[in-house]
Amino acid sequence: MLIARPANIEDLDAILELARQAGPGFTSLAVGQDKLGARLRHSIVSFESSSSVSPDHVYLLLLEDKISGKVVGMSAIKAQIGIKDPFFNFRILKIGRKSAVTNRRYDMDVLMMVNEYNGATEVGSLYVLPEMRGTGAGRLISQCRYMLMATDVNRFSDLVVSELRGHVDEGGHSPFWEAIGRKFFQMDFTEADHISAEQDSQFILDLMPRYPIYVELLPEAARAVMGKTHPAGIGARKFLEAEGFRYNGMIDIFDGGPSMSVPTQDISTIKNSRVLSPKPDDGALKLKAMVSNENFGNFRCIMTNIDFDGEQLLMRKADLEALLLRENDDVRIWIKR
């Protein structure tokens, strides 16, 4: 059984191992042990808090194999971004030019640095070990974030965004960074990525040009990866699209990866999940479903089989125990179609 749960203080080594395997370009994990440890403690405090939406809250979720006890994946939610530190993107804008003298008109794309996601909730840090891909692990650790959000929507913004990893090779080389970032930051992609993850975004505001950058002046290698997802993130993009996230011309200023967004109320899992009272039943249950408890601070989420006897939800006793349910506790279900 795979179960998604909040990270606890004993999970630091497992998180460090996930960060090591994620490799370069995975900005949210491209930090040292001290920073990841602080983020873990921050998450613990956030889960324990009873307050509403706050830029101070971050929620780290881990995916654990209950048989082996091994942590095989992770994801995260930041309740609000762009409040304490700017959250920069490039927006791709199309401008037109016309000359009456030459009787010619043309359109071209330009990049403008913006901070449009100020106050939005961000979902990110989605990673599963390579050997777990294709097992349903990615769907569970991705989708459980929306099950958690549905448990207490007041903790989150009205807009949810996600940044997908752009094209960066194993050596830390990014065509988009080489075309723009290196020119203004005078450093390698890996160094800039590390500073961004470890510190704040002020150095971006200090060094990045504030005027339009004409896309036609960029090398073909850079233009080719704008808005494109790293091969390892294609599955994550499909999960986002299934939830209603859409790419709207916003890209990462470092690697050119796409940023996607959706109004919180339009997220498919939140809209299509419902809360019911379960009854134990160890018979043949036929419906595949994602099921979570309604306990935000001690959240648990699994993918399992359920069924119905009329309007009565039936679940295996072992699953109820895995969700840490007490008598008369409700569960949230999302049925896989």
C-alpha atoms as a PDB file:
ATOM      1  CA  MET A   1       0.000   0.000   0.000  1.00  0.00           C
ATOM      2  CA  LEU A   2       1.166   3.507  -0.871  1.00  0.00           C
ATOM      3  CA  ILE A   3       0.005   6.239   1.464  1.00  0.00           C
ATOM      4  CA  ALA A   4       0.434  10.018   1.202  1.00  0.00           C
ATOM      5  CA  ARG A   5       1.020  11.836   4.473  1.00  0.00           C
ATOM      6  CA  PRO A   6       2.564  15.018   5.898  1.00  0.00           C
ATOM      7  CA  ALA A   7       6.338  14.918   6.300  1.00  0.00           C
ATOM      8  CA  ASN A   8       7.602  14.595   9.868  1.00  0.00           C
ATOM      9  CA  ILE A   9      10.916  15.409  11.492  1.00  0.00           C
ATOM     10  CA  GLU A  10      12.244  11.860  10.970  1.00  0.00           C
ATOM     11  CA  ASP A  11      11.904  12.198   7.202  1.00  0.00           C
ATOM     12  CA  LEU A  12      14.846  14.530   6.530  1.00  0.00           C
ATOM     13  CA  ASP A  13      17.190  11.811   5.247  1.00  0.00           C
ATOM     14  CA  ALA A  14      14.500  10.528   2.889  1.00  0.00           C
ATOM     15  CA  ILE A  15      13.874  14.034   1.545  1.00  0.00           C
ATOM     16  CA  LEU A  16      17.606  14.561   1.030  1.00  0.00           C
ATOM     17  CA  GLU A  17      17.747  11.338  -0.987  1.00  0.00           C
ATOM     18  CA  LEU A  18      14.829  12.421  -3.164  1.00  0.00           C
ATOM     19  CA  ALA A  19      16.584  15.760  -3.744  1.00  0.00           C
ATOM     20  CA  ARG A  20      19.790  13.969  -4.742  1.00  0.00           C
ATOM     21  CA  GLN A  21      17.999  11.774  -7.251  1.00  0.00           C
ATOM     22  CA  ALA A  22      15.973  14.665  -8.699  1.00  0.00           C
ATOM     23  CA  GLY A  23      19.183  16.187 -10.083  1.00  0.00           C
ATOM     24  CA  PRO A  24      19.916  19.705 -11.469  1.00  0.00           C
ATOM     25  CA  GLY A  25      17.111  21.996 -12.567  1.00  0.00           C
ATOM     26  CA  PHE A  26      14.696  20.865  -9.861  1.00  0.00           C
ATOM     27  CA  THR A  27      14.780  24.280  -8.193  1.00  0.00           C
ATOM     28  CA  SER A  28      12.656  23.540  -5.135  1.00  0.00           C
ATOM     29  CA  LEU A  29      14.989  20.690  -4.150  1.00  0.00           C
ATOM     30  CA  ALA A  30      18.236  22.294  -5.317  1.00  0.00           C
ATOM     31  CA  VAL A  31      19.163  23.348  -1.795  1.00  0.00           C
ATOM     32  CA  GLY A  32      21.358  22.013   0.968  1.00  0.00           C
ATOM     33  CA  GLN A  33      20.522  19.994   4.039  1.00  0.00           C
ATOM     34  CA  ASP A  34      20.046  23.036   6.268  1.00  0.00           C
ATOM     35  CA  LYS A  35      17.532  24.626   3.917  1.00  0.00           C
ATOM     36  CA  LEU A  36      15.578  21.401   3.408  1.00  0.00           C
ATOM     37  CA  GLY A  37      15.590  20.819   7.153  1.00  0.00           C
ATOM     38  CA  ALA A  38      14.209  24.312   7.752  1.00  0.00           C
ATOM     39  CA  ARG A  39      11.529  23.748   5.109  1.00  0.00           C
ATOM     40  CA  LEU A  40      10.568  20.481   6.776  1.00  0.00           C
ATOM     41  CA  ARG A  41      10.202  22.157  10.176  1.00  0.00           C
ATOM     42  CA  HIS A  42       8.242  24.962   8.511  1.00  0.00           C
ATOM     43  CA  SER A  43       5.836  22.391   7.073  1.00  0.00           C
ATOM     44  CA  ILE A  44       5.314  20.744  10.445  1.00  0.00           C
ATOM     45  CA  VAL A  45       4.384  24.095  12.007  1.00  0.00           C
ATOM     46  CA  SER A  46       2.077  24.872   9.062  1.00  0.00           C
ATOM     47  CA  PHE A  47       0.144  21.622   9.460  1.00  0.00           C
ATOM     48  CA  GLU A  48      -0.216  22.289  13.187  1.00  0.00           C
ATOM     49  CA  SER A  49      -1.516  25.828  12.616  1.00  0.00           C
ATOM     50  CA  SER A  50      -5.247  26.494  12.582  1.00  0.00           C
ATOM     51  CA  SER A  51      -5.064  29.829  10.734  1.00  0.00           C
ATOM     52  CA  SER A  52      -6.388  30.570   7.239  1.00  0.00           C
ATOM     53  CA  VAL A  53      -4.387  31.325   4.074  1.00  0.00           C
ATOM     54  CA  SER A  54      -0.925  32.661   4.907  1.00  0.00           C
ATOM     55  CA  PRO A  55       2.339  33.305   3.029  1.00  0.00           C
ATOM     56  CA  ASP A  56       4.069  31.632   5.973  1.00  0.00           C
ATOM     57  CA  HIS A  57       2.506  28.227   5.291  1.00  0.00           C
ATOM     58  CA  VAL A  58       4.068  25.427   3.267  1.00  0.00           C
ATOM     59  CA  TYR A  59       2.855  21.838   3.272  1.00  0.00           C
ATOM     60  CA  LEU A  60       5.219  18.959   2.409  1.00  0.00           C
ATOM     61  CA  LEU A  61       3.597  15.641   1.539  1.00  0.00           C
ATOM     62  CA  LEU A  62       5.486  12.355   1.254  1.00  0.00           C
ATOM     63  CA  LEU A  63       4.515   9.081  -0.380  1.00  0.00           C
ATOM     64  CA  GLU A  64       5.398   6.061   1.742  1.00  0.00           C
ATOM     65  CA  ASP A  65       5.383   2.386   0.883  1.00  0.00           C
ATOM     66  CA  LYS A  66       3.760   0.957   4.001  1.00  0.00           C
ATOM     67  CA  ILE A  67       5.264  -2.494   3.442  1.00  0.00           C
ATOM     68  CA  SER A  68       8.895  -1.413   3.159  1.00  0.00           C
ATOM     69  CA  GLY A  69       8.559   1.884   5.034  1.00  0.00           C
ATOM     70  CA  LYS A  70      10.472   3.593   2.212  1.00  0.00           C
ATOM     71  CA  VAL A  71       9.618   7.125   1.102  1.00  0.00           C
ATOM     72  CA  VAL A  72       9.227   6.942  -2.686  1.00  0.00           C
ATOM     73  CA  GLY A  73       7.922  10.384  -3.615  1.00  0.00           C
ATOM     74  CA  MET A  74       6.988  13.863  -2.501  1.00  0.00           C
ATOM     75  CA  SER A  75       5.003  16.970  -3.404  1.00  0.00           C
ATOM     76  CA  ALA A  76       4.296  20.326  -1.783  1.00  0.00           C
ATOM     77  CA  ILE A  77       1.905  23.245  -1.537  1.00  0.00           C
ATOM     78  CA  LYS A  78       2.840  26.847  -0.782  1.00  0.00           C
ATOM     79  CA  ALA A  79      -0.251  28.627   0.526  1.00  0.00           C
ATOM     80  CA  GLN A  80       0.756  32.030  -0.917  1.00  0.00           C
ATOM     81  CA  ILE A  81       3.618  33.115  -3.146  1.00  0.00           C
ATOM     82  CA  GLY A  82       4.891  36.525  -4.195  1.00  0.00           C
ATOM     83  CA  ILE A  83       3.973  38.202  -0.898  1.00  0.00           C
ATOM     84  CA  LYS A  84       7.245  38.191   1.020  1.00  0.00           C
ATOM     85  CA  ASP A  85       9.458  37.703  -2.057  1.00  0.00           C
ATOM     86  CA  PRO A  86       8.502  38.483  -5.663  1.00  0.00           C
ATOM     87  CA  PHE A  87       7.596  35.490  -7.806  1.00  0.00           C
ATOM     88  CA  PHE A  88       8.936  36.333 -11.238  1.00  0.00           C
ATOM     89  CA  ASN A  89       8.044  34.901 -14.634  1.00  0.00           C
ATOM     90  CA  PHE A  90       8.425  35.936 -18.226  1.00  0.00           C
ATOM     91  CA  ARG A  91       5.145  36.555 -20.011  1.00  0.00           C
ATOM     92  CA  ILE A  92       5.265  35.948 -23.748  1.00  0.00           C
ATOM     93  CA  LEU A  93       3.479  38.852 -25.439  1.00  0.00           C
ATOM     94  CA  LYS A  94       2.775  39.315 -29.122  1.00  0.00           C
ATOM     95  CA  ILE A  95       3.225  42.793 -30.589  1.00  0.00           C
ATOM     96  CA  GLY A  96       2.442  44.008 -34.090  1.00  0.00           C
ATOM     97  CA  ARG A  97       4.298  46.404 -36.348  1.00  0.00           C
ATOM     98  CA  LYS A  98       3.087  47.974 -39.580  1.00  0.00           C
ATOM     99  CA  SER A  99       4.732  50.269 -42.087  1.00  0.00           C
ATOM    100  CA  ALA A 100       2.592  52.177 -44.578  1.00  0.00           C
ATOM    101  CA  VAL A 101       5.708  53.115 -46.526  1.00  0.00           C
ATOM    102  CA  THR A 102       6.734  49.507 -47.186  1.00  0.00           C
ATOM    103  CA  ASN A 103       3.166  48.147 -46.981  1.00  0.00           C
ATOM    104  CA  ARG A 104       4.335  45.486 -44.604  1.00  0.00           C
ATOM    105  CA  ARG A 105       3.047  44.195 -41.285  1.00  0.00           C
ATOM    106  CA  TYR A 106       4.525  41.616 -38.972  1.00  0.00           C
ATOM    107  CA  ASP A 107       3.909  40.216 -35.475  1.00  0.00           C
ATOM    108  CA  MET A 108       6.620  39.186 -33.066  1.00  0.00           C
ATOM    109  CA  ASP A 109       6.904  37.770 -29.557  1.00  0.00           C
ATOM    110  CA  VAL A 110       8.567  39.603 -26.688  1.00  0.00           C
ATOM    111  CA  LEU A 111       9.364  38.543 -23.129  1.00  0.00           C
ATOM    112  CA  MET A 112       8.338  40.781 -20.221  1.00  0.00           C
ATOM    113  CA  MET A 113       9.318  40.030 -16.615  1.00  0.00           C
ATOM    114  CA  VAL A 114       6.187  40.059 -14.451  1.00  0.00           C
ATOM    115  CA  ASN A 115       5.021  39.241 -10.920  1.00  0.00           C
ATOM    116  CA  GLU A 116       1.431  38.351 -11.829  1.00  0.00           C
ATOM    117  CA  TYR A 117       1.046  35.423  -9.432  1.00  0.00           C
ATOM    118  CA  ASN A 118       1.275  37.611  -6.352  1.00  0.00           C
ATOM    119  CA  GLY A 119      -0.794  35.948  -3.596  1.00  0.00           C
ATOM    120  CA  ALA A 120      -1.540  32.725  -5.491  1.00  0.00           C
ATOM    121  CA  THR A 121      -1.169  29.217  -4.082  1.00  0.00           C
ATOM    122  CA  GLU A 122       1.585  27.140  -5.692  1.00  0.00           C
ATOM    123  CA  VAL A 123       1.725  23.364  -6.057  1.00  0.00           C
ATOM    124  CA  GLY A 124       5.145  21.953  -6.825  1.00  0.00           C
ATOM    125  CA  SER A 125       8.089  19.794  -5.732  1.00  0.00           C
ATOM    126  CA  LEU A 126       6.444  16.773  -7.376  1.00  0.00           C
ATOM    127  CA  TYR A 127       8.910  13.910  -7.634  1.00  0.00           C
ATOM    128  CA  VAL A 128       8.765  10.128  -7.477  1.00  0.00           C
ATOM    129  CA  LEU A 129      11.651   7.700  -7.669  1.00  0.00           C
ATOM    130  CA  PRO A 130      12.284   6.427 -11.221  1.00  0.00           C
ATOM    131  CA  GLU A 131      11.370   2.847 -10.309  1.00  0.00           C
ATOM    132  CA  MET A 132       7.940   3.993  -9.119  1.00  0.00           C
ATOM    133  CA  ARG A 133       6.902   5.689 -12.349  1.00  0.00           C
ATOM    134  CA  GLY A 134       4.000   3.975 -14.070  1.00  0.00           C
ATOM    135  CA  THR A 135       2.766   2.391 -10.834  1.00  0.00           C
ATOM    136  CA  GLY A 136       0.197   5.040  -9.926  1.00  0.00           C
ATOM    137  CA  ALA A 137       2.577   6.607  -7.401  1.00  0.00           C
ATOM    138  CA  GLY A 138       2.850   9.851  -9.377  1.00  0.00           C
ATOM    139  CA  ARG A 139      -0.903  10.280  -9.620  1.00  0.00           C
ATOM    140  CA  LEU A 140      -1.372   9.677  -5.892  1.00  0.00           C
ATOM    141  CA  ILE A 141       1.290  12.089  -4.638  1.00  0.00           C
ATOM    142  CA  SER A 142       0.187  14.705  -7.180  1.00  0.00           C
ATOM    143  CA  GLN A 143      -3.568  14.448  -6.696  1.00  0.00           C
ATOM    144  CA  CYS A 144      -3.479  14.124  -2.920  1.00  0.00           C
ATOM    145  CA  ARG A 145      -2.565  17.831  -2.800  1.00  0.00           C
ATOM    146  CA  TYR A 146      -6.041  18.721  -4.050  1.00  0.00           C
ATOM    147  CA  MET A 147      -7.666  16.281  -1.633  1.00  0.00           C
ATOM    148  CA  LEU A 148      -5.783  18.101   1.138  1.00  0.00           C
ATOM    149  CA  MET A 149      -6.860  21.503  -0.188  1.00  0.00           C
ATOM    150  CA  ALA A 150     -10.500  20.383  -0.306  1.00  0.00           C
ATOM    151  CA  THR A 151     -10.272  19.484   3.389  1.00  0.00           C
ATOM    152  CA  ASP A 152      -9.777  23.162   4.305  1.00  0.00           C
ATOM    153  CA  VAL A 153     -10.048  25.506   1.302  1.00  0.00           C
ATOM    154  CA  ASN A 154      -9.728  28.588   3.519  1.00  0.00           C
ATOM    155  CA  ARG A 155      -6.010  27.875   3.858  1.00  0.00           C
ATOM    156  CA  PHE A 156      -5.461  28.485   0.137  1.00  0.00           C
ATOM    157  CA  SER A 157      -5.809  31.227  -2.461  1.00  0.00           C
ATOM    158  CA  ASP A 158      -8.466  31.516  -5.176  1.00  0.00           C
ATOM    159  CA  LEU A 159      -5.818  30.804  -7.844  1.00  0.00           C
ATOM    160  CA  VAL A 160      -3.405  27.855  -7.954  1.00  0.00           C
ATOM    161  CA  VAL A 161      -0.258  27.861 -10.089  1.00  0.00           C
ATOM    162  CA  SER A 162       2.453  25.359 -10.893  1.00  0.00           C
ATOM    163  CA  GLU A 163       5.875  25.768 -12.510  1.00  0.00           C
ATOM    164  CA  LEU A 164       7.090  22.844 -14.570  1.00  0.00           C
ATOM    165  CA  ARG A 165      10.733  22.036 -15.011  1.00  0.00           C
ATOM    166  CA  GLY A 166      12.190  23.317 -18.281  1.00  0.00           C
ATOM    167  CA  HIS A 167      14.956  21.850 -20.396  1.00  0.00           C
ATOM    168  CA  VAL A 168      18.107  21.431 -18.318  1.00  0.00           C
ATOM    169  CA  ASP A 169      20.479  18.536 -18.988  1.00  0.00           C
ATOM    170  CA  GLU A 170      22.220  16.391 -16.378  1.00  0.00           C
ATOM    171  CA  GLY A 171      25.221  18.706 -16.452  1.00  0.00           C
ATOM    172  CA  GLY A 172      23.087  21.729 -15.561  1.00  0.00           C
ATOM    173  CA  HIS A 173      23.114  23.228 -19.077  1.00  0.00           C
ATOM    174  CA  SER A 174      19.995  25.166 -20.098  1.00  0.00           C
ATOM    175  CA  PRO A 175      19.670  26.616 -23.637  1.00  0.00           C
ATOM    176  CA  PHE A 176      17.267  29.279 -22.415  1.00  0.00           C
ATOM    177  CA  TRP A 177      19.558  30.328 -19.575  1.00  0.00           C
ATOM    178  CA  GLU A 178      22.562  30.525 -21.882  1.00  0.00           C
ATOM    179  CA  ALA A 179      20.643  32.855 -24.206  1.00  0.00           C
ATOM    180  CA  ILE A 180      19.383  35.298 -21.566  1.00  0.00           C
ATOM    181  CA  GLY A 181      20.246  34.633 -17.932  1.00  0.00           C
ATOM    182  CA  ARG A 182      23.979  34.170 -18.352  1.00  0.00           C
ATOM    183  CA  LYS A 183      24.221  37.499 -20.174  1.00  0.00           C
ATOM    184  CA  PHE A 184      22.828  39.453 -17.224  1.00  0.00           C
ATOM    185  CA  PHE A 185      23.786  37.322 -14.196  1.00  0.00           C
ATOM    186  CA  GLN A 186      27.299  36.347 -15.307  1.00  0.00           C
ATOM    187  CA  MET A 187      27.019  32.897 -13.716  1.00  0.00           C
ATOM    188  CA  ASP A 188      26.132  29.304 -14.571  1.00  0.00           C
ATOM    189  CA  PHE A 189      22.547  28.093 -14.459  1.00  0.00           C
ATOM    190  CA  THR A 190      23.266  25.841 -11.470  1.00  0.00           C
ATOM    191  CA  GLU A 191      24.705  28.704  -9.419  1.00  0.00           C
ATOM    192  CA  ALA A 192      21.768  31.016 -10.175  1.00  0.00           C
ATOM    193  CA  ASP A 193      19.285  28.226  -9.489  1.00  0.00           C
ATOM    194  CA  HIS A 194      20.976  27.541  -6.158  1.00  0.00           C
ATOM    195  CA  ILE A 195      20.890  31.214  -5.121  1.00  0.00           C
ATOM    196  CA  SER A 196      17.216  31.473  -6.080  1.00  0.00           C
ATOM    197  CA  ALA A 197      16.327  28.397  -4.036  1.00  0.00           C
ATOM    198  CA  GLU A 198      18.546  29.136  -1.047  1.00  0.00           C
ATOM    199  CA  GLN A 199      17.955  32.876  -0.634  1.00  0.00           C
ATOM    200  CA  ASP A 200      15.369  35.240  -2.120  1.00  0.00           C
ATOM    201  CA  SER A 201      14.455  36.788  -5.461  1.00  0.00           C
ATOM    202  CA  GLN A 202      15.989  40.216  -4.911  1.00  0.00           C
ATOM    203  CA  PHE A 203      19.018  39.392  -7.066  1.00  0.00           C
ATOM    204  CA  ILE A 204      16.634  38.699  -9.969  1.00  0.00           C
ATOM    205  CA  LEU A 205      15.081  42.140  -9.605  1.00  0.00           C
ATOM    206  CA  ASP A 206      18.552  43.672  -9.353  1.00  0.00           C
ATOM    207  CA  LEU A 207      20.036  42.034 -12.460  1.00  0.00           C
ATOM    208  CA  MET A 208      17.307  40.945 -14.893  1.00  0.00           C
ATOM    209  CA  PRO A 209      16.420  43.510 -17.592  1.00  0.00           C
ATOM    210  CA  ARG A 210      13.069  45.237 -17.084  1.00  0.00           C
ATOM    211  CA  TYR A 211      12.529  46.011 -20.746  1.00  0.00           C
ATOM    212  CA  PRO A 212      11.065  43.703 -23.415  1.00  0.00           C
ATOM    213  CA  ILE A 213      13.344  41.011 -24.819  1.00  0.00           C
ATOM    214  CA  TYR A 214      12.642  40.254 -28.485  1.00  0.00           C
ATOM    215  CA  VAL A 215      12.317  36.504 -28.947  1.00  0.00           C
ATOM    216  CA  GLU A 216      13.506  36.681 -32.574  1.00  0.00           C
ATOM    217  CA  LEU A 217      16.915  37.810 -31.311  1.00  0.00           C
ATOM    218  CA  LEU A 218      17.374  34.620 -29.289  1.00  0.00           C
ATOM    219  CA  PRO A 219      19.189  31.553 -30.645  1.00  0.00           C
ATOM    220  CA  GLU A 220      16.984  28.837 -32.113  1.00  0.00           C
ATOM    221  CA  ALA A 221      17.988  26.456 -29.289  1.00  0.00           C
ATOM    222  CA  ALA A 222      16.510  28.867 -26.726  1.00  0.00           C
ATOM    223  CA  ARG A 223      13.344  29.564 -28.716  1.00  0.00           C
ATOM    224  CA  ALA A 224      12.746  25.836 -29.173  1.00  0.00           C
ATOM    225  CA  VAL A 225      12.456  25.151 -25.432  1.00  0.00           C
ATOM    226  CA  MET A 226      10.285  28.123 -24.411  1.00  0.00           C
ATOM    227  CA  GLY A 227       7.171  26.789 -22.698  1.00  0.00           C
ATOM    228  CA  LYS A 228       8.355  23.197 -23.142  1.00  0.00           C
ATOM    229  CA  THR A 229       8.426  20.685 -20.293  1.00  0.00           C
ATOM    230  CA  HIS A 230      11.483  18.633 -19.345  1.00  0.00           C
ATOM    231  CA  PRO A 231      10.956  14.994 -20.449  1.00  0.00           C
ATOM    232  CA  ALA A 232      10.890  13.928 -16.791  1.00  0.00           C
ATOM    233  CA  GLY A 233       8.018  16.360 -16.147  1.00  0.00           C
ATOM    234  CA  ILE A 234       5.676  15.313 -18.953  1.00  0.00           C
ATOM    235  CA  GLY A 235       3.711  13.054 -16.606  1.00  0.00           C
ATOM    236  CA  ALA A 236       3.361  15.891 -14.097  1.00  0.00           C
ATOM    237  CA  ARG A 237       2.049  18.174 -16.840  1.00  0.00           C
ATOM    238  CA  LYS A 238      -0.591  15.614 -17.805  1.00  0.00           C
ATOM    239  CA  PHE A 239      -1.732  15.415 -14.178  1.00  0.00           C
ATOM    240  CA  LEU A 240      -2.023  19.207 -14.055  1.00  0.00           C
ATOM    241  CA  GLU A 241      -3.962  19.369 -17.301  1.00  0.00           C
ATOM    242  CA  ALA A 242      -6.360  16.696 -16.042  1.00  0.00           C
ATOM    243  CA  GLU A 243      -7.060  18.948 -13.037  1.00  0.00           C
ATOM    244  CA  GLY A 244      -7.845  21.943 -15.269  1.00  0.00           C
ATOM    245  CA  PHE A 245      -4.469  23.732 -15.232  1.00  0.00           C
ATOM    246  CA  ARG A 246      -3.661  25.578 -18.447  1.00  0.00           C
ATOM    247  CA  TYR A 247      -0.513  27.106 -19.898  1.00  0.00           C
ATOM    248  CA  ASN A 248      -1.119  30.772 -20.683  1.00  0.00           C
ATOM    249  CA  GLY A 249       2.188  32.063 -21.995  1.00  0.00           C
ATOM    250  CA  MET A 250       4.030  32.387 -18.679  1.00  0.00           C
ATOM    251  CA  ILE A 251       7.482  30.783 -18.505  1.00  0.00           C
ATOM    252  CA  ASP A 252      10.259  30.434 -15.969  1.00  0.00           C
ATOM    253  CA  ILE A 253      12.907  33.138 -16.260  1.00  0.00           C
ATOM    254  CA  PHE A 254      15.735  30.628 -15.755  1.00  0.00           C
ATOM    255  CA  ASP A 255      14.986  27.548 -17.881  1.00  0.00           C
ATOM    256  CA  GLY A 256      11.950  28.674 -19.923  1.00  0.00           C
ATOM    257  CA  GLY A 257       9.711  25.942 -18.501  1.00  0.00           C
ATOM    258  CA  PRO A 258       5.944  26.547 -18.582  1.00  0.00           C
ATOM    259  CA  SER A 259       3.885  27.967 -15.727  1.00  0.00           C
ATOM    260  CA  MET A 260       0.288  26.736 -15.520  1.00  0.00           C
ATOM    261  CA  SER A 261      -2.669  27.985 -13.496  1.00  0.00           C
ATOM    262  CA  VAL A 262      -6.299  27.282 -12.603  1.00  0.00           C
ATOM    263  CA  PRO A 263      -8.933  28.898 -10.352  1.00  0.00           C
ATOM    264  CA  THR A 264      -9.099  26.831  -7.175  1.00  0.00           C
ATOM    265  CA  GLN A 265     -12.842  26.252  -7.536  1.00  0.00           C
ATOM    266  CA  ASP A 266     -12.244  24.730 -10.997  1.00  0.00           C
ATOM    267  CA  ILE A 267      -9.745  22.068  -9.886  1.00  0.00           C
ATOM    268  CA  SER A 268     -11.280  18.767 -10.969  1.00  0.00           C
ATOM    269  CA  THR A 269     -10.493  16.798  -7.811  1.00  0.00           C
ATOM    270  CA  ILE A 270     -11.915  19.500  -5.560  1.00  0.00           C
ATOM    271  CA  LYS A 271     -15.069  19.805  -7.680  1.00  0.00           C
ATOM    272  CA  ASN A 272     -15.648  16.077  -8.103  1.00  0.00           C
ATOM    273  CA  SER A 273     -14.739  14.719  -4.659  1.00  0.00           C
ATOM    274  CA  ARG A 274     -17.358  14.238  -1.957  1.00  0.00           C
ATOM    275  CA  VAL A 275     -17.486  13.496   1.746  1.00  0.00           C
ATOM    276  CA  LEU A 276     -19.186  10.311   2.963  1.00  0.00           C
ATOM    277  CA  SER A 277     -19.410   8.086   6.015  1.00  0.00           C
ATOM    278  CA  PRO A 278     -17.770   4.688   5.380  1.00  0.00           C
ATOM    279  CA  LYS A 279     -18.777   1.246   6.586  1.00  0.00           C
ATOM    280  CA  PRO A 280     -16.213  -1.576   6.946  1.00  0.00           C
ATOM    281  CA  ASP A 281     -16.574  -4.341   4.371  1.00  0.00           C
ATOM    282  CA  ASP A 282     -13.864  -6.801   3.350  1.00  0.00           C
ATOM    283  CA  GLY A 283     -15.812  -8.214   0.433  1.00  0.00           C
ATOM    284  CA  ALA A 284     -15.117  -7.780  -3.278  1.00  0.00           C
ATOM    285  CA  LEU A 285     -15.010  -4.020  -3.815  1.00  0.00           C
ATOM    286  CA  LYS A 286     -14.981  -2.977  -7.458  1.00  0.00           C
ATOM    287  CA  LEU A 287     -14.594   0.796  -7.777  1.00  0.00           C
ATOM    288  CA  LYS A 288     -11.120   2.374  -7.949  1.00  0.00           C
ATOM    289  CA  ALA A 289     -10.999   5.566  -5.877  1.00  0.00           C
ATOM    290  CA  MET A 290      -8.736   8.017  -4.125  1.00  0.00           C
ATOM    291  CA  VAL A 291      -9.723   8.295  -0.478  1.00  0.00           C
ATOM    292  CA  SER A 292      -8.507  10.647   2.242  1.00  0.00           C
ATOM    293  CA  ASN A 293      -9.461  11.474   5.775  1.00  0.00           C
ATOM    294  CA  GLU A 294     -10.841  14.887   6.727  1.00  0.00           C
ATOM    295  CA  ASN A 295      -8.174  15.557   9.347  1.00  0.00           C
ATOM    296  CA  PHE A 296      -5.968  18.329   7.898  1.00  0.00           C
ATOM    297  CA  GLY A 297      -3.266  18.167  10.555  1.00  0.00           C
ATOM    298  CA  ASN A 298      -2.962  14.375  10.365  1.00  0.00           C
ATOM    299  CA  PHE A 299      -3.856  13.963   6.710  1.00  0.00           C
ATOM    300  CA  ARG A 300      -3.718  10.569   5.001  1.00  0.00           C
ATOM    301  CA  CYS A 301      -4.605   9.670   1.403  1.00  0.00           C
ATOM    302  CA  ILE A 302      -4.603   6.368  -0.485  1.00  0.00           C
ATOM    303  CA  MET A 303      -5.715   4.895  -3.805  1.00  0.00           C
ATOM    304  CA  THR A 304      -7.828   1.804  -3.191  1.00  0.00           C
ATOM    305  CA  ASN A 305     -11.024  -0.073  -4.062  1.00  0.00           C
ATOM    306  CA  ILE A 306     -14.412   0.951  -2.673  1.00  0.00           C
ATOM    307  CA  ASP A 307     -18.036   0.100  -3.385  1.00  0.00           C
ATOM    308  CA  PHE A 308     -21.574   1.097  -2.477  1.00  0.00           C
ATOM    309  CA  ASP A 309     -24.522  -0.646  -0.915  1.00  0.00           C
ATOM    310  CA  GLY A 310     -27.204   1.753  -2.063  1.00  0.00           C
ATOM    311  CA  GLU A 311     -25.937   5.094  -0.742  1.00  0.00           C
ATOM    312  CA  GLN A 312     -23.674   3.474   1.860  1.00  0.00           C
ATOM    313  CA  LEU A 313     -19.920   3.691   1.156  1.00  0.00           C
ATOM    314  CA  LEU A 314     -18.082   0.420   1.726  1.00  0.00           C
ATOM    315  CA  MET A 315     -14.360   0.267   2.495  1.00  0.00           C
ATOM    316  CA  ARG A 316     -11.893  -2.351   3.664  1.00  0.00           C
ATOM    317  CA  LYS A 317     -11.119  -2.275   7.366  1.00  0.00           C
ATOM    318  CA  ALA A 318      -7.362  -2.101   6.631  1.00  0.00           C
ATOM    319  CA  ASP A 319      -7.911   1.004   4.525  1.00  0.00           C
ATOM    320  CA  LEU A 320      -9.914   2.691   7.267  1.00  0.00           C
ATOM    321  CA  GLU A 321      -7.087   1.962   9.683  1.00  0.00           C
ATOM    322  CA  ALA A 322      -4.481   3.309   7.247  1.00  0.00           C
ATOM    323  CA  LEU A 323      -6.443   6.561   7.088  1.00  0.00           C
ATOM    324  CA  LEU A 324      -6.339   6.777  10.895  1.00  0.00           C
ATOM    325  CA  LEU A 325     -10.123   6.902  11.076  1.00  0.00           C
ATOM    326  CA  ARG A 326     -12.079   6.683  14.292  1.00  0.00           C
ATOM    327  CA  GLU A 327     -15.688   5.600  14.609  1.00  0.00           C
ATOM    328  CA  ASN A 328     -18.097   7.919  12.768  1.00  0.00           C
ATOM    329  CA  ASP A 329     -15.273   9.768  10.975  1.00  0.00           C
ATOM    330  CA  ASP A 330     -15.999  10.836   7.398  1.00  0.00           C
ATOM    331  CA  VAL A 331     -13.790  10.312   4.368  1.00  0.00           C
ATOM    332  CA  ARG A 332     -13.394  12.220   1.123  1.00  0.00           C
ATOM    333  CA  ILE A 333     -13.561  10.130  -2.054  1.00  0.00           C
ATOM    334  CA  TRP A 334     -12.714  10.793  -5.684  1.00  0.00           C
ATOM    335  CA  ILE A 335     -13.747   7.976  -8.008  1.00  0.00           C
ATOM    336  CA  LYS A 336     -11.463   7.206 -10.912  1.00  0.00           C
ATOM    337  CA  ARG A 337     -13.370   7.260 -14.199  1.00  0.00           C
END
